[in-house]
Amino acid sequence: GKQALCRLYYSRQDRNDLLYLLQREMSKKSHKGKNKQSNKSTQTSFEALVKYCEDVQCRHLSIAQYFGNPDPECNKSCDACKNPAAAKEALKAHKLCMSSAASKKHFPGTVMAHYEQ
């Protein structure tokens, strides 16, 4: 296909808020005797999304593995493969910003992580 660009907006606070809501919903379903497999699937999907945001690995590989597809050939077309050092540095800066905001007990909002290709 054609080249596409992606900008990912992610914050640990959003992750924590969503995790709390998901766990609360899963707890309600468990008490009502609902499908535990559904809860496990929800948790697995959420963990995969967080891993995609917080790890530096081939984006194409992450998506293919999530959907159970064969490993694709990226040919350095994603940020993690094209410039791993820059992707790691951007992630490190993002994590530093998040820990700094958390230590001040003030969260400035969503931090934008943008990986240039």
PDB file of N, CA and C in Angstrom:
ATOM      1  N   GLY A   1       0.811  -1.186   0.000  1.00  0.00           N
ATOM      2  CA  GLY A   1       0.000   0.000   0.000  1.00  0.00           C
ATOM      3  C   GLY A   1       0.852   1.246   0.000  1.00  0.00           C
ATOM      4  N   LYS A   2       0.172   2.337   0.069  1.00  0.00           N
ATOM      5  CA  LYS A   2       0.837   3.634   0.074  1.00  0.00           C
ATOM      6  C   LYS A   2       1.374   3.960   1.458  1.00  0.00           C
ATOM      7  N   GLN A   3       2.365   4.842   1.472  1.00  0.00           N
ATOM      8  CA  GLN A   3       2.952   5.274   2.730  1.00  0.00           C
ATOM      9  C   GLN A   3       1.909   6.059   3.525  1.00  0.00           C
ATOM     10  N   ALA A   4       1.898   5.825   4.816  1.00  0.00           N
ATOM     11  CA  ALA A   4       0.993   6.550   5.710  1.00  0.00           C
ATOM     12  C   ALA A   4       1.791   7.044   6.907  1.00  0.00           C
ATOM     13  N   LEU A   5       1.361   8.137   7.467  1.00  0.00           N
ATOM     14  CA  LEU A   5       1.983   8.673   8.669  1.00  0.00           C
ATOM     15  C   LEU A   5       1.013   8.523   9.823  1.00  0.00           C
ATOM     16  N   CYS A   6       1.568   8.326  10.990  1.00  0.00           N
ATOM     17  CA  CYS A   6       0.740   8.140  12.176  1.00  0.00           C
ATOM     18  C   CYS A   6       1.286   8.991  13.297  1.00  0.00           C
ATOM     19  N   ARG A   7       0.425   9.660  13.996  1.00  0.00           N
ATOM     20  CA  ARG A   7       0.805  10.405  15.188  1.00  0.00           C
ATOM     21  C   ARG A   7       0.060   9.766  16.344  1.00  0.00           C
ATOM     22  N   LEU A   8       0.796   9.398  17.360  1.00  0.00           N
ATOM     23  CA  LEU A   8       0.233   8.673  18.490  1.00  0.00           C
ATOM     24  C   LEU A   8       0.173   9.591  19.704  1.00  0.00           C
ATOM     25  N   TYR A   9      -1.014   9.769  20.249  1.00  0.00           N
ATOM     26  CA  TYR A   9      -1.185  10.537  21.471  1.00  0.00           C
ATOM     27  C   TYR A   9      -1.407   9.550  22.602  1.00  0.00           C
ATOM     28  N   TYR A  10      -0.583   9.643  23.624  1.00  0.00           N
ATOM     29  CA  TYR A  10      -0.612   8.645  24.684  1.00  0.00           C
ATOM     30  C   TYR A  10      -0.159   9.277  25.989  1.00  0.00           C
ATOM     31  N   SER A  11      -0.808   8.913  27.057  1.00  0.00           N
ATOM     32  CA  SER A  11      -0.335   9.349  28.369  1.00  0.00           C
ATOM     33  C   SER A  11      -0.541   8.219  29.367  1.00  0.00           C
ATOM     34  N   ARG A  12       0.356   8.134  30.317  1.00  0.00           N
ATOM     35  CA  ARG A  12       0.237   7.104  31.348  1.00  0.00           C
ATOM     36  C   ARG A  12      -0.998   7.343  32.205  1.00  0.00           C
ATOM     37  N   GLN A  13      -1.352   8.598  32.414  1.00  0.00           N
ATOM     38  CA  GLN A  13      -2.542   8.882  33.208  1.00  0.00           C
ATOM     39  C   GLN A  13      -3.785   8.331  32.517  1.00  0.00           C
ATOM     40  N   ASP A  14      -3.874   8.519  31.211  1.00  0.00           N
ATOM     41  CA  ASP A  14      -4.994   7.930  30.464  1.00  0.00           C
ATOM     42  C   ASP A  14      -4.972   6.416  30.591  1.00  0.00           C
ATOM     43  N   ARG A  15      -3.763   5.843  30.478  1.00  0.00           N
ATOM     44  CA  ARG A  15      -3.638   4.391  30.624  1.00  0.00           C
ATOM     45  C   ARG A  15      -4.143   3.945  31.986  1.00  0.00           C
ATOM     46  N   ASN A  16      -3.719   4.635  33.038  1.00  0.00           N
ATOM     47  CA  ASN A  16      -4.136   4.268  34.388  1.00  0.00           C
ATOM     48  C   ASN A  16      -5.642   4.422  34.576  1.00  0.00           C
ATOM     49  N   ASP A  17      -6.199   5.493  34.038  1.00  0.00           N
ATOM     50  CA  ASP A  17      -7.647   5.708  34.139  1.00  0.00           C
ATOM     51  C   ASP A  17      -8.417   4.601  33.416  1.00  0.00           C
ATOM     52  N   LEU A  18      -7.976   4.269  32.210  1.00  0.00           N
ATOM     53  CA  LEU A  18      -8.644   3.208  31.449  1.00  0.00           C
ATOM     54  C   LEU A  18      -8.488   1.850  32.119  1.00  0.00           C
ATOM     55  N   LEU A  19      -7.306   1.594  32.656  1.00  0.00           N
ATOM     56  CA  LEU A  19      -7.085   0.329  33.352  1.00  0.00           C
ATOM     57  C   LEU A  19      -8.031   0.207  34.541  1.00  0.00           C
ATOM     58  N   TYR A  20      -8.198   1.274  35.287  1.00  0.00           N
ATOM     59  CA  TYR A  20      -9.123   1.271  36.424  1.00  0.00           C
ATOM     60  C   TYR A  20     -10.552   0.961  35.955  1.00  0.00           C
ATOM     61  N   LEU A  21     -10.987   1.630  34.903  1.00  0.00           N
ATOM     62  CA  LEU A  21     -12.341   1.401  34.393  1.00  0.00           C
ATOM     63  C   LEU A  21     -12.516  -0.018  33.866  1.00  0.00           C
ATOM     64  N   LEU A  22     -11.512  -0.516  33.143  1.00  0.00           N
ATOM     65  CA  LEU A  22     -11.591  -1.886  32.624  1.00  0.00           C
ATOM     66  C   LEU A  22     -11.658  -2.902  33.756  1.00  0.00           C
ATOM     67  N   GLN A  23     -10.823  -2.723  34.766  1.00  0.00           N
ATOM     68  CA  GLN A  23     -10.825  -3.661  35.893  1.00  0.00           C
ATOM     69  C   GLN A  23     -12.153  -3.615  36.636  1.00  0.00           C
ATOM     70  N   ARG A  24     -12.711  -2.445  36.759  1.00  0.00           N
ATOM     71  CA  ARG A  24     -14.011  -2.307  37.420  1.00  0.00           C
ATOM     72  C   ARG A  24     -15.103  -3.040  36.630  1.00  0.00           C
ATOM     73  N   GLU A  25     -15.103  -2.851  35.308  1.00  0.00           N
ATOM     74  CA  GLU A  25     -16.081  -3.538  34.459  1.00  0.00           C
ATOM     75  C   GLU A  25     -15.903  -5.043  34.503  1.00  0.00           C
ATOM     76  N   MET A  26     -14.650  -5.498  34.452  1.00  0.00           N
ATOM     77  CA  MET A  26     -14.382  -6.929  34.485  1.00  0.00           C
ATOM     78  C   MET A  26     -14.794  -7.523  35.825  1.00  0.00           C
ATOM     79  N   SER A  27     -14.613  -6.779  36.885  1.00  0.00           N
ATOM     80  CA  SER A  27     -15.028  -7.238  38.209  1.00  0.00           C
ATOM     81  C   SER A  27     -16.548  -7.383  38.276  1.00  0.00           C
ATOM     82  N   LYS A  28     -17.265  -6.422  37.716  1.00  0.00           N
ATOM     83  CA  LYS A  28     -18.731  -6.494  37.683  1.00  0.00           C
ATOM     84  C   LYS A  28     -19.188  -7.727  36.906  1.00  0.00           C
ATOM     85  N   LYS A  29     -18.551  -7.970  35.756  1.00  0.00           N
ATOM     86  CA  LYS A  29     -18.916  -9.121  34.936  1.00  0.00           C
ATOM     87  C   LYS A  29     -18.632 -10.427  35.665  1.00  0.00           C
ATOM     88  N   SER A  30     -17.515 -10.475  36.381  1.00  0.00           N
ATOM     89  CA  SER A  30     -17.154 -11.691  37.119  1.00  0.00           C
ATOM     90  C   SER A  30     -18.168 -11.996  38.216  1.00  0.00           C
ATOM     91  N   HIS A  31     -18.624 -10.962  38.898  1.00  0.00           N
ATOM     92  CA  HIS A  31     -19.606 -11.152  39.971  1.00  0.00           C
ATOM     93  C   HIS A  31     -20.953 -11.602  39.427  1.00  0.00           C
ATOM     94  N   LYS A  32     -21.239 -11.217  38.194  1.00  0.00           N
ATOM     95  CA  LYS A  32     -22.511 -11.622  37.580  1.00  0.00           C
ATOM     96  C   LYS A  32     -22.390 -12.964  36.853  1.00  0.00           C
ATOM     97  N   GLY A  33     -21.199 -13.561  36.922  1.00  0.00           N
ATOM     98  CA  GLY A  33     -20.996 -14.866  36.288  1.00  0.00           C
ATOM     99  C   GLY A  33     -20.823 -14.779  34.788  1.00  0.00           C
ATOM    100  N   LYS A  34     -20.464 -13.604  34.298  1.00  0.00           N
ATOM    101  CA  LYS A  34     -20.266 -13.430  32.846  1.00  0.00           C
ATOM    102  C   LYS A  34     -18.996 -14.142  32.409  1.00  0.00           C
ATOM    103  N   ASN A  35     -18.792 -14.177  31.132  1.00  0.00           N
ATOM    104  CA  ASN A  35     -17.707 -14.903  30.504  1.00  0.00           C
ATOM    105  C   ASN A  35     -16.327 -14.401  30.947  1.00  0.00           C
ATOM    106  N   LYS A  36     -15.561 -15.269  31.626  1.00  0.00           N
ATOM    107  CA  LYS A  36     -14.215 -14.903  32.060  1.00  0.00           C
ATOM    108  C   LYS A  36     -13.265 -14.803  30.883  1.00  0.00           C
ATOM    109  N   GLN A  37     -13.540 -15.549  29.824  1.00  0.00           N
ATOM    110  CA  GLN A  37     -12.702 -15.483  28.624  1.00  0.00           C
ATOM    111  C   GLN A  37     -12.767 -14.095  28.010  1.00  0.00           C
ATOM    112  N   SER A  38     -13.932 -13.473  28.054  1.00  0.00           N
ATOM    113  CA  SER A  38     -14.088 -12.112  27.545  1.00  0.00           C
ATOM    114  C   SER A  38     -13.225 -11.140  28.343  1.00  0.00           C
ATOM    115  N   ASN A  39     -13.192 -11.312  29.658  1.00  0.00           N
ATOM    116  CA  ASN A  39     -12.355 -10.467  30.501  1.00  0.00           C
ATOM    117  C   ASN A  39     -10.878 -10.626  30.157  1.00  0.00           C
ATOM    118  N   LYS A  40     -10.465 -11.859  29.955  1.00  0.00           N
ATOM    119  CA  LYS A  40      -9.069 -12.134  29.611  1.00  0.00           C
ATOM    120  C   LYS A  40      -8.726 -11.517  28.264  1.00  0.00           C
ATOM    121  N   SER A  41      -9.629 -11.618  27.318  1.00  0.00           N
ATOM    122  CA  SER A  41      -9.419 -11.040  25.994  1.00  0.00           C
ATOM    123  C   SER A  41      -9.308  -9.517  26.072  1.00  0.00           C
ATOM    124  N   THR A  42     -10.158  -8.904  26.878  1.00  0.00           N
ATOM    125  CA  THR A  42     -10.121  -7.452  27.065  1.00  0.00           C
ATOM    126  C   THR A  42      -8.796  -7.032  27.662  1.00  0.00           C
ATOM    127  N   GLN A  43      -8.344  -7.746  28.670  1.00  0.00           N
ATOM    128  CA  GLN A  43      -7.088  -7.428  29.328  1.00  0.00           C
ATOM    129  C   GLN A  43      -5.909  -7.610  28.381  1.00  0.00           C
ATOM    130  N   THR A  44      -5.915  -8.682  27.619  1.00  0.00           N
ATOM    131  CA  THR A  44      -4.837  -8.959  26.667  1.00  0.00           C
ATOM    132  C   THR A  44      -4.765  -7.871  25.602  1.00  0.00           C
ATOM    133  N   SER A  45      -5.915  -7.446  25.099  1.00  0.00           N
ATOM    134  CA  SER A  45      -5.955  -6.392  24.091  1.00  0.00           C
ATOM    135  C   SER A  45      -5.413  -5.081  24.643  1.00  0.00           C
ATOM    136  N   PHE A  46      -5.804  -4.764  25.862  1.00  0.00           N
ATOM    137  CA  PHE A  46      -5.336  -3.532  26.489  1.00  0.00           C
ATOM    138  C   PHE A  46      -3.827  -3.572  26.700  1.00  0.00           C
ATOM    139  N   GLU A  47      -3.315  -4.697  27.158  1.00  0.00           N
ATOM    140  CA  GLU A  47      -1.879  -4.840  27.374  1.00  0.00           C
ATOM    141  C   GLU A  47      -1.102  -4.709  26.060  1.00  0.00           C
ATOM    142  N   ALA A  48      -1.662  -5.231  24.972  1.00  0.00           N
ATOM    143  CA  ALA A  48      -1.010  -5.118  23.669  1.00  0.00           C
ATOM    144  C   ALA A  48      -0.957  -3.655  23.220  1.00  0.00           C
ATOM    145  N   LEU A  49      -2.012  -2.920  23.471  1.00  0.00           N
ATOM    146  CA  LEU A  49      -2.041  -1.502  23.118  1.00  0.00           C
ATOM    147  C   LEU A  49      -0.996  -0.725  23.918  1.00  0.00           C
ATOM    148  N   VAL A  50      -0.912  -0.993  25.205  1.00  0.00           N
ATOM    149  CA  VAL A  50       0.075  -0.317  26.058  1.00  0.00           C
ATOM    150  C   VAL A  50       1.493  -0.669  25.595  1.00  0.00           C
ATOM    151  N   LYS A  51       1.721  -1.931  25.281  1.00  0.00           N
ATOM    152  CA  LYS A  51       3.038  -2.360  24.815  1.00  0.00           C
ATOM    153  C   LYS A  51       3.401  -1.643  23.516  1.00  0.00           C
ATOM    154  N   TYR A  52       2.447  -1.503  22.624  1.00  0.00           N
ATOM    155  CA  TYR A  52       2.682  -0.794  21.360  1.00  0.00           C
ATOM    156  C   TYR A  52       3.144   0.639  21.641  1.00  0.00           C
ATOM    157  N   CYS A  53       2.553   1.262  22.645  1.00  0.00           N
ATOM    158  CA  CYS A  53       2.879   2.651  22.982  1.00  0.00           C
ATOM    159  C   CYS A  53       4.181   2.782  23.758  1.00  0.00           C
ATOM    160  N   GLU A  54       4.486   1.818  24.607  1.00  0.00           N
ATOM    161  CA  GLU A  54       5.609   1.958  25.533  1.00  0.00           C
ATOM    162  C   GLU A  54       6.869   1.210  25.125  1.00  0.00           C
ATOM    163  N   ASP A  55       6.834   0.424  24.089  1.00  0.00           N
ATOM    164  CA  ASP A  55       8.015  -0.310  23.642  1.00  0.00           C
ATOM    165  C   ASP A  55       8.475   0.207  22.289  1.00  0.00           C
ATOM    166  N   VAL A  56       9.752   0.050  22.038  1.00  0.00           N
ATOM    167  CA  VAL A  56      10.295   0.390  20.726  1.00  0.00           C
ATOM    168  C   VAL A  56      10.586  -0.921  20.016  1.00  0.00           C
ATOM    169  N   GLN A  57       9.675  -1.310  19.170  1.00  0.00           N
ATOM    170  CA  GLN A  57       9.871  -2.465  18.305  1.00  0.00           C
ATOM    171  C   GLN A  57       9.133  -2.184  17.010  1.00  0.00           C
ATOM    172  N   CYS A  58       9.390  -2.946  16.004  1.00  0.00           N
ATOM    173  CA  CYS A  58       8.782  -2.735  14.696  1.00  0.00           C
ATOM    174  C   CYS A  58       7.267  -2.608  14.835  1.00  0.00           C
ATOM    175  N   ARG A  59       6.723  -1.511  14.338  1.00  0.00           N
ATOM    176  CA  ARG A  59       5.283  -1.264  14.439  1.00  0.00           C
ATOM    177  C   ARG A  59       4.501  -2.279  13.604  1.00  0.00           C
ATOM    178  N   HIS A  60       5.036  -2.602  12.443  1.00  0.00           N
ATOM    179  CA  HIS A  60       4.360  -3.573  11.580  1.00  0.00           C
ATOM    180  C   HIS A  60       4.316  -4.952  12.234  1.00  0.00           C
ATOM    181  N   LEU A  61       5.431  -5.320  12.864  1.00  0.00           N
ATOM    182  CA  LEU A  61       5.497  -6.605  13.546  1.00  0.00           C
ATOM    183  C   LEU A  61       4.506  -6.651  14.712  1.00  0.00           C
ATOM    184  N   SER A  62       4.429  -5.571  15.481  1.00  0.00           N
ATOM    185  CA  SER A  62       3.490  -5.513  16.612  1.00  0.00           C
ATOM    186  C   SER A  62       2.055  -5.736  16.155  1.00  0.00           C
ATOM    187  N   ILE A  63       1.675  -5.053  15.098  1.00  0.00           N
ATOM    188  CA  ILE A  63       0.303  -5.162  14.596  1.00  0.00           C
ATOM    189  C   ILE A  63       0.054  -6.550  14.014  1.00  0.00           C
ATOM    190  N   ALA A  64       1.010  -7.064  13.261  1.00  0.00           N
ATOM    191  CA  ALA A  64       0.850  -8.397  12.669  1.00  0.00           C
ATOM    192  C   ALA A  64       0.721  -9.464  13.753  1.00  0.00           C
ATOM    193  N   GLN A  65       1.544  -9.375  14.787  1.00  0.00           N
ATOM    194  CA  GLN A  65       1.480 -10.350  15.871  1.00  0.00           C
ATOM    195  C   GLN A  65       0.150 -10.258  16.605  1.00  0.00           C
ATOM    196  N   TYR A  66      -0.344  -9.059  16.808  1.00  0.00           N
ATOM    197  CA  TYR A  66      -1.621  -8.881  17.496  1.00  0.00           C
ATOM    198  C   TYR A  66      -2.747  -9.606  16.751  1.00  0.00           C
ATOM    199  N   PHE A  67      -2.744  -9.479  15.424  1.00  0.00           N
ATOM    200  CA  PHE A  67      -3.799 -10.107  14.626  1.00  0.00           C
ATOM    201  C   PHE A  67      -3.467 -11.534  14.205  1.00  0.00           C
ATOM    202  N   GLY A  68      -2.304 -12.046  14.628  1.00  0.00           N
ATOM    203  CA  GLY A  68      -1.937 -13.419  14.304  1.00  0.00           C
ATOM    204  C   GLY A  68      -1.502 -13.602  12.867  1.00  0.00           C
ATOM    205  N   ASN A  69      -1.046 -12.531  12.240  1.00  0.00           N
ATOM    206  CA  ASN A  69      -0.581 -12.601  10.856  1.00  0.00           C
ATOM    207  C   ASN A  69       0.905 -12.938  10.817  1.00  0.00           C
ATOM    208  N   PRO A  70       1.381 -13.398   9.669  1.00  0.00           N
ATOM    209  CA  PRO A  70       2.817 -13.673   9.546  1.00  0.00           C
ATOM    210  C   PRO A  70       3.626 -12.382   9.724  1.00  0.00           C
ATOM    211  N   ASP A  71       4.873 -12.541  10.143  1.00  0.00           N
ATOM    212  CA  ASP A  71       5.739 -11.371  10.322  1.00  0.00           C
ATOM    213  C   ASP A  71       5.948 -10.676   8.977  1.00  0.00           C
ATOM    214  N   PRO A  72       5.664  -9.387   8.916  1.00  0.00           N
ATOM    215  CA  PRO A  72       5.812  -8.658   7.657  1.00  0.00           C
ATOM    216  C   PRO A  72       7.250  -8.182   7.448  1.00  0.00           C
ATOM    217  N   GLU A  73       7.547  -7.787   6.233  1.00  0.00           N
ATOM    218  CA  GLU A  73       8.827  -7.155   5.956  1.00  0.00           C
ATOM    219  C   GLU A  73       8.627  -5.657   6.081  1.00  0.00           C
ATOM    220  N   CYS A  74       9.264  -5.061   7.055  1.00  0.00           N
ATOM    221  CA  CYS A  74       9.105  -3.636   7.309  1.00  0.00           C
ATOM    222  C   CYS A  74       9.966  -2.803   6.368  1.00  0.00           C
ATOM    223  N   ASN A  75      11.150  -3.302   6.072  1.00  0.00           N
ATOM    224  CA  ASN A  75      12.096  -2.575   5.221  1.00  0.00           C
ATOM    225  C   ASN A  75      12.374  -1.171   5.736  1.00  0.00           C
ATOM    226  N   LYS A  76      12.466  -1.059   7.059  1.00  0.00           N
ATOM    227  CA  LYS A  76      12.766   0.209   7.722  1.00  0.00           C
ATOM    228  C   LYS A  76      11.762   1.304   7.364  1.00  0.00           C
ATOM    229  N   SER A  77      10.499   0.930   7.315  1.00  0.00           N
ATOM    230  CA  SER A  77       9.478   1.924   6.989  1.00  0.00           C
ATOM    231  C   SER A  77       8.730   2.433   8.219  1.00  0.00           C
ATOM    232  N   CYS A  78       9.043   1.916   9.408  1.00  0.00           N
ATOM    233  CA  CYS A  78       8.447   2.459  10.635  1.00  0.00           C
ATOM    234  C   CYS A  78       9.538   3.153  11.443  1.00  0.00           C
ATOM    235  N   ASP A  79       9.134   3.957  12.402  1.00  0.00           N
ATOM    236  CA  ASP A  79      10.096   4.723  13.192  1.00  0.00           C
ATOM    237  C   ASP A  79      11.085   3.837  13.938  1.00  0.00           C
ATOM    238  N   ALA A  80      10.610   2.734  14.484  1.00  0.00           N
ATOM    239  CA  ALA A  80      11.464   1.863  15.289  1.00  0.00           C
ATOM    240  C   ALA A  80      12.540   1.176  14.450  1.00  0.00           C
ATOM    241  N   CYS A  81      12.225   0.867  13.216  1.00  0.00           N
ATOM    242  CA  CYS A  81      13.197   0.205  12.341  1.00  0.00           C
ATOM    243  C   CYS A  81      14.055   1.209  11.571  1.00  0.00           C
ATOM    244  N   LYS A  82      13.453   2.309  11.182  1.00  0.00           N
ATOM    245  CA  LYS A  82      14.177   3.297  10.390  1.00  0.00           C
ATOM    246  C   LYS A  82      15.251   4.004  11.211  1.00  0.00           C
ATOM    247  N   ASN A  83      14.901   4.370  12.431  1.00  0.00           N
ATOM    248  CA  ASN A  83      15.855   5.074  13.285  1.00  0.00           C
ATOM    249  C   ASN A  83      15.622   4.660  14.739  1.00  0.00           C
ATOM    250  N   PRO A  84      16.090   3.469  15.115  1.00  0.00           N
ATOM    251  CA  PRO A  84      15.840   2.956  16.466  1.00  0.00           C
ATOM    252  C   PRO A  84      16.344   3.885  17.566  1.00  0.00           C
ATOM    253  N   ALA A  85      17.493   4.513  17.364  1.00  0.00           N
ATOM    254  CA  ALA A  85      18.044   5.398  18.391  1.00  0.00           C
ATOM    255  C   ALA A  85      17.115   6.589  18.632  1.00  0.00           C
ATOM    256  N   ALA A  86      16.597   7.184  17.572  1.00  0.00           N
ATOM    257  CA  ALA A  86      15.687   8.321  17.715  1.00  0.00           C
ATOM    258  C   ALA A  86      14.377   7.888  18.363  1.00  0.00           C
ATOM    259  N   ALA A  87      13.878   6.714  18.002  1.00  0.00           N
ATOM    260  CA  ALA A  87      12.637   6.212  18.607  1.00  0.00           C
ATOM    261  C   ALA A  87      12.834   5.949  20.095  1.00  0.00           C
ATOM    262  N   LYS A  88      13.968   5.367  20.457  1.00  0.00           N
ATOM    263  CA  LYS A  88      14.259   5.115  21.878  1.00  0.00           C
ATOM    264  C   LYS A  88      14.409   6.429  22.638  1.00  0.00           C
ATOM    265  N   GLU A  89      15.050   7.405  22.024  1.00  0.00           N
ATOM    266  CA  GLU A  89      15.239   8.705  22.661  1.00  0.00           C
ATOM    267  C   GLU A  89      13.887   9.409  22.855  1.00  0.00           C
ATOM    268  N   ALA A  90      13.017   9.338  21.864  1.00  0.00           N
ATOM    269  CA  ALA A  90      11.683   9.948  21.990  1.00  0.00           C
ATOM    270  C   ALA A  90      10.888   9.278  23.099  1.00  0.00           C
ATOM    271  N   LEU A  91      10.964   7.961  23.183  1.00  0.00           N
ATOM    272  CA  LEU A  91      10.259   7.235  24.243  1.00  0.00           C
ATOM    273  C   LEU A  91      10.848   7.568  25.611  1.00  0.00           C
ATOM    274  N   LYS A  92      12.167   7.662  25.685  1.00  0.00           N
ATOM    275  CA  LYS A  92      12.835   8.017  26.940  1.00  0.00           C
ATOM    276  C   LYS A  92      12.398   9.417  27.388  1.00  0.00           C
ATOM    277  N   ALA A  93      12.346  10.367  26.465  1.00  0.00           N
ATOM    278  CA  ALA A  93      11.917  11.731  26.783  1.00  0.00           C
ATOM    279  C   ALA A  93      10.467  11.745  27.256  1.00  0.00           C
ATOM    280  N   HIS A  94       9.640  10.943  26.608  1.00  0.00           N
ATOM    281  CA  HIS A  94       8.230  10.849  26.999  1.00  0.00           C
ATOM    282  C   HIS A  94       8.105  10.303  28.421  1.00  0.00           C
ATOM    283  N   LYS A  95       8.834   9.223  28.719  1.00  0.00           N
ATOM    284  CA  LYS A  95       8.778   8.630  30.055  1.00  0.00           C
ATOM    285  C   LYS A  95       9.317   9.591  31.112  1.00  0.00           C
ATOM    286  N   LEU A  96      10.367  10.332  30.769  1.00  0.00           N
ATOM    287  CA  LEU A  96      10.926  11.316  31.696  1.00  0.00           C
ATOM    288  C   LEU A  96       9.912  12.417  31.987  1.00  0.00           C
ATOM    289  N   CYS A  97       9.238  12.859  30.961  1.00  0.00           N
ATOM    290  CA  CYS A  97       8.199  13.882  31.126  1.00  0.00           C
ATOM    291  C   CYS A  97       7.072  13.364  32.010  1.00  0.00           C
ATOM    292  N   MET A  98       6.677  12.112  31.802  1.00  0.00           N
ATOM    293  CA  MET A  98       5.594  11.524  32.595  1.00  0.00           C
ATOM    294  C   MET A  98       6.004  11.378  34.059  1.00  0.00           C
ATOM    295  N   SER A  99       7.238  10.932  34.310  1.00  0.00           N
ATOM    296  CA  SER A  99       7.656  10.748  35.702  1.00  0.00           C
ATOM    297  C   SER A  99       7.828  12.098  36.383  1.00  0.00           C
ATOM    298  N   SER A 100       8.281  13.100  35.653  1.00  0.00           N
ATOM    299  CA  SER A 100       8.430  14.445  36.209  1.00  0.00           C
ATOM    300  C   SER A 100       7.068  15.020  36.571  1.00  0.00           C
ATOM    301  N   ALA A 101       6.098  14.853  35.694  1.00  0.00           N
ATOM    302  CA  ALA A 101       4.745  15.353  35.966  1.00  0.00           C
ATOM    303  C   ALA A 101       4.133  14.623  37.149  1.00  0.00           C
ATOM    304  N   ALA A 102       4.364  13.322  37.245  1.00  0.00           N
ATOM    305  CA  ALA A 102       3.797  12.543  38.350  1.00  0.00           C
ATOM    306  C   ALA A 102       4.431  12.938  39.678  1.00  0.00           C
ATOM    307  N   SER A 103       5.732  13.223  39.669  1.00  0.00           N
ATOM    308  CA  SER A 103       6.397  13.586  40.917  1.00  0.00           C
ATOM    309  C   SER A 103       5.944  14.945  41.428  1.00  0.00           C
ATOM    310  N   LYS A 104       5.469  15.792  40.532  1.00  0.00           N
ATOM    311  CA  LYS A 104       4.968  17.111  40.927  1.00  0.00           C
ATOM    312  C   LYS A 104       3.483  17.062  41.271  1.00  0.00           C
ATOM    313  N   LYS A 105       2.904  15.859  41.161  1.00  0.00           N
ATOM    314  CA  LYS A 105       1.479  15.653  41.401  1.00  0.00           C
ATOM    315  C   LYS A 105       0.639  16.583  40.540  1.00  0.00           C
ATOM    316  N   HIS A 106       1.143  16.845  39.380  1.00  0.00           N
ATOM    317  CA  HIS A 106       0.433  17.669  38.406  1.00  0.00           C
ATOM    318  C   HIS A 106       0.621  17.015  37.063  1.00  0.00           C
ATOM    319  N   PHE A 107      -0.443  16.785  36.392  1.00  0.00           N
ATOM    320  CA  PHE A 107      -0.341  16.150  35.096  1.00  0.00           C
ATOM    321  C   PHE A 107      -0.775  17.144  34.038  1.00  0.00           C
ATOM    322  N   PRO A 108       0.123  17.514  33.138  1.00  0.00           N
ATOM    323  CA  PRO A 108      -0.168  18.573  32.192  1.00  0.00           C
ATOM    324  C   PRO A 108      -1.126  18.196  31.073  1.00  0.00           C
ATOM    325  N   GLY A 109      -1.544  16.966  31.001  1.00  0.00           N
ATOM    326  CA  GLY A 109      -2.435  16.553  29.914  1.00  0.00           C
ATOM    327  C   GLY A 109      -1.739  15.513  29.064  1.00  0.00           C
ATOM    328  N   THR A 110      -2.285  15.271  27.920  1.00  0.00           N
ATOM    329  CA  THR A 110      -1.735  14.257  27.035  1.00  0.00           C
ATOM    330  C   THR A 110      -0.447  14.742  26.410  1.00  0.00           C
ATOM    331  N   VAL A 111       0.542  13.902  26.438  1.00  0.00           N
ATOM    332  CA  VAL A 111       1.808  14.223  25.809  1.00  0.00           C
ATOM    333  C   VAL A 111       1.805  13.567  24.441  1.00  0.00           C
ATOM    334  N   MET A 112       2.243  14.324  23.469  1.00  0.00           N
ATOM    335  CA  MET A 112       2.248  13.812  22.116  1.00  0.00           C
ATOM    336  C   MET A 112       3.592  13.152  21.822  1.00  0.00           C
ATOM    337  N   ALA A 113       3.554  11.943  21.393  1.00  0.00           N
ATOM    338  CA  ALA A 113       4.756  11.259  20.931  1.00  0.00           C
ATOM    339  C   ALA A 113       4.645  11.179  19.424  1.00  0.00           C
ATOM    340  N   HIS A 114       5.552  11.832  18.738  1.00  0.00           N
ATOM    341  CA  HIS A 114       5.518  11.842  17.278  1.00  0.00           C
ATOM    342  C   HIS A 114       6.851  11.345  16.776  1.00  0.00           C
ATOM    343  N   TYR A 115       6.822  10.331  15.984  1.00  0.00           N
ATOM    344  CA  TYR A 115       8.032   9.755  15.447  1.00  0.00           C
ATOM    345  C   TYR A 115       8.125  10.135  13.980  1.00  0.00           C
ATOM    346  N   GLU A 116       9.116  10.909  13.656  1.00  0.00           N
ATOM    347  CA  GLU A 116       9.338  11.302  12.267  1.00  0.00           C
ATOM    348  C   GLU A 116       9.934  10.144  11.506  1.00  0.00           C
ATOM    349  N   GLN A 117       9.547  10.020  10.282  1.00  0.00           N
ATOM    350  CA  GLN A 117      10.139   8.978   9.445  1.00  0.00           C
ATOM    351  C   GLN A 117      11.171   9.576   8.533  1.00  0.00           C
TER     352      GLN A 117
END
